Amino acid sequence: MSDIFGWLTAAQWFAFLRIVLGLWWLESVRHKNLRRFIDHDMVAFTIDLADHHQFPEFGKVVKQVVLANRSWFPYMIVFTEVVLGLGLTLGLLTPIVALGSIFLTLNYLLLAGLPPRDISVYPAYEVEQGQLIMMLAIAIVTFFMGAGCTWGIDGLLGFGCL
């Protein structure tokens, strides 16, 4: 079945969404000042959001986890974003990386997508919220629609493809 213009099949549109989401994750890494992000920004921003979270108990848990793991947590975030970006863009282990994308996006949404108690801490939360909801929707579609089977390594290997 092709789209209304006869350009792409439904499977090709799902693959397109998968690739866009993968590139979105890679852009998330590319636009960071990695040295500042790892040395300071990630932990400081997360703690600031946690301290002003609209659900203080959730913020307290986030703060404890990040502070206890501050030496390696920013590296894990960057590594995870790269793995998700490459996996989705290349269509490699797509169901697994789609689940990872859902998990990471939900975490970002719960932390940065909710209005903080003090809006001056992060006045752009609504922009973040919109972006994360779109990323979450694409990741869910990617997971359920076998989007790695078209234009992806999964399709070449038959991983998760019927």
C-alpha atoms as a PDB file:
ATOM      1  CA  MET A   1       0.000   0.000   0.000  1.00  0.00           C
ATOM      2  CA  SER A   2       1.434   3.368  -1.053  1.00  0.00           C
ATOM      3  CA  ASP A   3       0.698   6.853   0.248  1.00  0.00           C
ATOM      4  CA  ILE A   4      -1.759   9.139  -1.554  1.00  0.00           C
ATOM      5  CA  PHE A   5       0.960  10.313  -3.949  1.00  0.00           C
ATOM      6  CA  GLY A   6       2.321   6.851  -4.673  1.00  0.00           C
ATOM      7  CA  TRP A   7       5.740   7.851  -3.325  1.00  0.00           C
ATOM      8  CA  LEU A   8       6.328   5.480  -0.428  1.00  0.00           C
ATOM      9  CA  THR A   9       4.754   2.425   1.094  1.00  0.00           C
ATOM     10  CA  ALA A  10       3.607   2.397   4.707  1.00  0.00           C
ATOM     11  CA  ALA A  11       6.714   0.384   5.646  1.00  0.00           C
ATOM     12  CA  GLN A  12       8.929   3.001   3.993  1.00  0.00           C
ATOM     13  CA  TRP A  13       7.201   5.817   5.900  1.00  0.00           C
ATOM     14  CA  PHE A  14       7.777   3.914   9.169  1.00  0.00           C
ATOM     15  CA  ALA A  15      11.437   3.519   8.215  1.00  0.00           C
ATOM     16  CA  PHE A  16      11.585   7.246   7.445  1.00  0.00           C
ATOM     17  CA  LEU A  17      10.247   8.043  10.927  1.00  0.00           C
ATOM     18  CA  ARG A  18      12.793   5.636  12.459  1.00  0.00           C
ATOM     19  CA  ILE A  19      15.650   7.333  10.620  1.00  0.00           C
ATOM     20  CA  VAL A  20      14.442  10.819  11.600  1.00  0.00           C
ATOM     21  CA  LEU A  21      14.277   9.750  15.253  1.00  0.00           C
ATOM     22  CA  GLY A  22      17.780   8.297  15.024  1.00  0.00           C
ATOM     23  CA  LEU A  23      19.116  11.500  13.531  1.00  0.00           C
ATOM     24  CA  TRP A  24      17.300  13.443  16.237  1.00  0.00           C
ATOM     25  CA  TRP A  25      19.198  11.499  18.915  1.00  0.00           C
ATOM     26  CA  LEU A  26      22.488  12.046  17.104  1.00  0.00           C
ATOM     27  CA  GLU A  27      21.739  15.765  16.860  1.00  0.00           C
ATOM     28  CA  SER A  28      21.099  15.759  20.591  1.00  0.00           C
ATOM     29  CA  VAL A  29      24.717  14.718  21.043  1.00  0.00           C
ATOM     30  CA  ARG A  30      26.158  16.891  18.259  1.00  0.00           C
ATOM     31  CA  HIS A  31      24.755  20.165  19.549  1.00  0.00           C
ATOM     32  CA  LYS A  32      26.132  19.671  23.073  1.00  0.00           C
ATOM     33  CA  ASN A  33      29.371  21.219  24.218  1.00  0.00           C
ATOM     34  CA  LEU A  34      30.479  17.752  25.333  1.00  0.00           C
ATOM     35  CA  ARG A  35      33.244  18.873  27.689  1.00  0.00           C
ATOM     36  CA  ARG A  36      30.937  21.299  29.524  1.00  0.00           C
ATOM     37  CA  PHE A  37      28.043  18.830  29.459  1.00  0.00           C
ATOM     38  CA  ILE A  38      30.144  16.070  31.031  1.00  0.00           C
ATOM     39  CA  ASP A  39      32.087  18.250  33.466  1.00  0.00           C
ATOM     40  CA  HIS A  40      29.247  20.401  34.729  1.00  0.00           C
ATOM     41  CA  ASP A  41      26.120  21.157  32.732  1.00  0.00           C
ATOM     42  CA  MET A  42      24.326  17.803  32.828  1.00  0.00           C
ATOM     43  CA  VAL A  43      24.591  17.362  36.592  1.00  0.00           C
ATOM     44  CA  ALA A  44      23.894  21.035  37.373  1.00  0.00           C
ATOM     45  CA  PHE A  45      20.841  21.201  35.093  1.00  0.00           C
ATOM     46  CA  THR A  46      19.448  17.921  36.394  1.00  0.00           C
ATOM     47  CA  ILE A  47      19.914  18.930  40.034  1.00  0.00           C
ATOM     48  CA  ASP A  48      18.309  22.311  39.369  1.00  0.00           C
ATOM     49  CA  LEU A  49      15.292  20.645  37.778  1.00  0.00           C
ATOM     50  CA  ALA A  50      15.124  18.059  40.576  1.00  0.00           C
ATOM     51  CA  ASP A  51      15.248  20.752  43.269  1.00  0.00           C
ATOM     52  CA  HIS A  52      12.308  22.559  41.660  1.00  0.00           C
ATOM     53  CA  HIS A  53      10.338  19.545  40.421  1.00  0.00           C
ATOM     54  CA  GLN A  54       6.589  19.770  40.835  1.00  0.00           C
ATOM     55  CA  PHE A  55       6.705  16.371  42.564  1.00  0.00           C
ATOM     56  CA  PRO A  56       9.355  16.883  45.257  1.00  0.00           C
ATOM     57  CA  GLU A  57       9.703  13.184  46.103  1.00  0.00           C
ATOM     58  CA  PHE A  58      10.473  12.360  42.471  1.00  0.00           C
ATOM     59  CA  GLY A  59      12.958  15.219  42.366  1.00  0.00           C
ATOM     60  CA  LYS A  60      14.631  13.907  45.507  1.00  0.00           C
ATOM     61  CA  VAL A  61      15.110  10.445  43.945  1.00  0.00           C
ATOM     62  CA  VAL A  62      16.519  11.914  40.739  1.00  0.00           C
ATOM     63  CA  LYS A  63      18.893  14.130  42.708  1.00  0.00           C
ATOM     64  CA  GLN A  64      20.147  11.227  44.819  1.00  0.00           C
ATOM     65  CA  VAL A  65      20.762   9.007  41.794  1.00  0.00           C
ATOM     66  CA  VAL A  66      22.572  11.698  39.812  1.00  0.00           C
ATOM     67  CA  LEU A  67      24.697  12.958  42.695  1.00  0.00           C
ATOM     68  CA  ALA A  68      25.706   9.421  43.693  1.00  0.00           C
ATOM     69  CA  ASN A  69      26.799   8.717  40.104  1.00  0.00           C
ATOM     70  CA  ARG A  70      27.971  12.148  38.958  1.00  0.00           C
ATOM     71  CA  SER A  71      31.368  10.876  37.745  1.00  0.00           C
ATOM     72  CA  TRP A  72      29.954   8.582  35.063  1.00  0.00           C
ATOM     73  CA  PHE A  73      26.278   9.538  34.595  1.00  0.00           C
ATOM     74  CA  PRO A  74      26.894  12.249  31.954  1.00  0.00           C
ATOM     75  CA  TYR A  75      29.034   9.785  29.969  1.00  0.00           C
ATOM     76  CA  MET A  76      26.222   7.237  30.126  1.00  0.00           C
ATOM     77  CA  ILE A  77      23.726   9.792  28.807  1.00  0.00           C
ATOM     78  CA  VAL A  78      25.935  10.710  25.840  1.00  0.00           C
ATOM     79  CA  PHE A  79      26.760   7.053  25.119  1.00  0.00           C
ATOM     80  CA  THR A  80      23.085   6.077  25.265  1.00  0.00           C
ATOM     81  CA  GLU A  81      22.051   8.885  22.932  1.00  0.00           C
ATOM     82  CA  VAL A  82      24.758   7.844  20.432  1.00  0.00           C
ATOM     83  CA  VAL A  83      23.727   4.173  20.594  1.00  0.00           C
ATOM     84  CA  LEU A  84      20.056   5.050  20.135  1.00  0.00           C
ATOM     85  CA  GLY A  85      20.883   7.412  17.279  1.00  0.00           C
ATOM     86  CA  LEU A  86      23.055   4.929  15.407  1.00  0.00           C
ATOM     87  CA  GLY A  87      20.749   1.973  16.048  1.00  0.00           C
ATOM     88  CA  LEU A  88      17.662   3.806  14.824  1.00  0.00           C
ATOM     89  CA  THR A  89      19.344   5.510  11.877  1.00  0.00           C
ATOM     90  CA  LEU A  90      20.876   2.255  10.651  1.00  0.00           C
ATOM     91  CA  GLY A  91      17.903   0.100  11.587  1.00  0.00           C
ATOM     92  CA  LEU A  92      20.095  -2.106  13.780  1.00  0.00           C
ATOM     93  CA  LEU A  93      18.420  -3.999  16.630  1.00  0.00           C
ATOM     94  CA  THR A  94      15.521  -1.642  16.098  1.00  0.00           C
ATOM     95  CA  PRO A  95      13.054  -3.104  18.621  1.00  0.00           C
ATOM     96  CA  ILE A  96      15.683  -2.935  21.361  1.00  0.00           C
ATOM     97  CA  VAL A  97      16.836   0.604  20.604  1.00  0.00           C
ATOM     98  CA  ALA A  98      13.217   1.721  20.170  1.00  0.00           C
ATOM     99  CA  LEU A  99      12.502   0.476  23.702  1.00  0.00           C
ATOM    100  CA  GLY A 100      15.616   2.298  24.894  1.00  0.00           C
ATOM    101  CA  SER A 101      14.383   5.431  23.165  1.00  0.00           C
ATOM    102  CA  ILE A 102      10.982   5.100  24.848  1.00  0.00           C
ATOM    103  CA  PHE A 103      12.630   4.642  28.256  1.00  0.00           C
ATOM    104  CA  LEU A 104      15.059   7.561  27.922  1.00  0.00           C
ATOM    105  CA  THR A 105      12.407   9.850  26.459  1.00  0.00           C
ATOM    106  CA  LEU A 106       9.995   9.074  29.296  1.00  0.00           C
ATOM    107  CA  ASN A 107      12.736   9.889  31.803  1.00  0.00           C
ATOM    108  CA  TYR A 108      13.493  13.179  30.059  1.00  0.00           C
ATOM    109  CA  LEU A 109       9.770  13.956  29.873  1.00  0.00           C
ATOM    110  CA  LEU A 110       9.255  13.294  33.582  1.00  0.00           C
ATOM    111  CA  LEU A 111      12.177  15.522  34.517  1.00  0.00           C
ATOM    112  CA  ALA A 112      12.287  18.331  31.951  1.00  0.00           C
ATOM    113  CA  GLY A 113       8.844  18.147  30.361  1.00  0.00           C
ATOM    114  CA  LEU A 114       6.868  19.078  33.443  1.00  0.00           C
ATOM    115  CA  PRO A 115       6.568  22.659  34.652  1.00  0.00           C
ATOM    116  CA  PRO A 116       8.984  23.284  37.537  1.00  0.00           C
ATOM    117  CA  ARG A 117       7.653  24.862  40.735  1.00  0.00           C
ATOM    118  CA  ASP A 118       9.806  27.897  39.923  1.00  0.00           C
ATOM    119  CA  ILE A 119       9.261  28.537  36.211  1.00  0.00           C
ATOM    120  CA  SER A 120      12.416  30.663  35.999  1.00  0.00           C
ATOM    121  CA  VAL A 121      14.448  27.468  36.448  1.00  0.00           C
ATOM    122  CA  TYR A 122      13.358  26.213  33.028  1.00  0.00           C
ATOM    123  CA  PRO A 123      10.915  28.477  31.186  1.00  0.00           C
ATOM    124  CA  ALA A 124      11.299  26.420  27.985  1.00  0.00           C
ATOM    125  CA  TYR A 125       9.825  23.247  29.495  1.00  0.00           C
ATOM    126  CA  GLU A 126       6.837  23.435  27.128  1.00  0.00           C
ATOM    127  CA  VAL A 127       9.156  23.313  24.109  1.00  0.00           C
ATOM    128  CA  GLU A 128      10.941  20.344  25.657  1.00  0.00           C
ATOM    129  CA  GLN A 129       7.590  18.740  26.370  1.00  0.00           C
ATOM    130  CA  GLY A 130       6.439  19.014  22.757  1.00  0.00           C
ATOM    131  CA  GLN A 131       9.689  17.651  21.361  1.00  0.00           C
ATOM    132  CA  LEU A 132       9.720  14.743  23.798  1.00  0.00           C
ATOM    133  CA  ILE A 133       6.108  13.806  23.117  1.00  0.00           C
ATOM    134  CA  MET A 134       6.857  13.695  19.390  1.00  0.00           C
ATOM    135  CA  MET A 135       9.988  11.592  19.996  1.00  0.00           C
ATOM    136  CA  LEU A 136       7.992   9.251  22.230  1.00  0.00           C
ATOM    137  CA  ALA A 137       5.262   8.843  19.611  1.00  0.00           C
ATOM    138  CA  ILE A 138       7.797   8.034  16.887  1.00  0.00           C
ATOM    139  CA  ALA A 139       9.622   5.560  19.146  1.00  0.00           C
ATOM    140  CA  ILE A 140       6.356   3.759  19.928  1.00  0.00           C
ATOM    141  CA  VAL A 141       5.454   3.529  16.238  1.00  0.00           C
ATOM    142  CA  THR A 142       8.986   2.366  15.454  1.00  0.00           C
ATOM    143  CA  PHE A 143       8.794  -0.369  18.068  1.00  0.00           C
ATOM    144  CA  PHE A 144       5.399  -1.739  17.049  1.00  0.00           C
ATOM    145  CA  MET A 145       5.683  -1.438  13.262  1.00  0.00           C
ATOM    146  CA  GLY A 146       8.923  -3.309  12.584  1.00  0.00           C
ATOM    147  CA  ALA A 147      10.487  -0.144  11.230  1.00  0.00           C
ATOM    148  CA  GLY A 148      13.961  -1.681  11.046  1.00  0.00           C
ATOM    149  CA  CYS A 149      12.884  -4.170   8.411  1.00  0.00           C
ATOM    150  CA  THR A 150      12.804  -1.553   5.656  1.00  0.00           C
ATOM    151  CA  TRP A 151      15.946   0.395   4.799  1.00  0.00           C
ATOM    152  CA  GLY A 152      17.719  -1.112   7.778  1.00  0.00           C
ATOM    153  CA  ILE A 153      20.284  -3.690   8.816  1.00  0.00           C
ATOM    154  CA  ASP A 154      17.535  -5.612  10.610  1.00  0.00           C
ATOM    155  CA  GLY A 155      15.878  -6.181   7.255  1.00  0.00           C
ATOM    156  CA  LEU A 156      19.097  -7.544   5.790  1.00  0.00           C
ATOM    157  CA  LEU A 157      19.555  -9.882   8.748  1.00  0.00           C
ATOM    158  CA  GLY A 158      15.885 -10.693   9.193  1.00  0.00           C
ATOM    159  CA  PHE A 159      15.944  -9.518  12.836  1.00  0.00           C
ATOM    160  CA  GLY A 160      12.384  -8.916  14.037  1.00  0.00           C
ATOM    161  CA  CYS A 161      11.028  -9.088  10.499  1.00  0.00           C
ATOM    162  CA  LEU A 162       8.182 -11.323   9.366  1.00  0.00           C
END
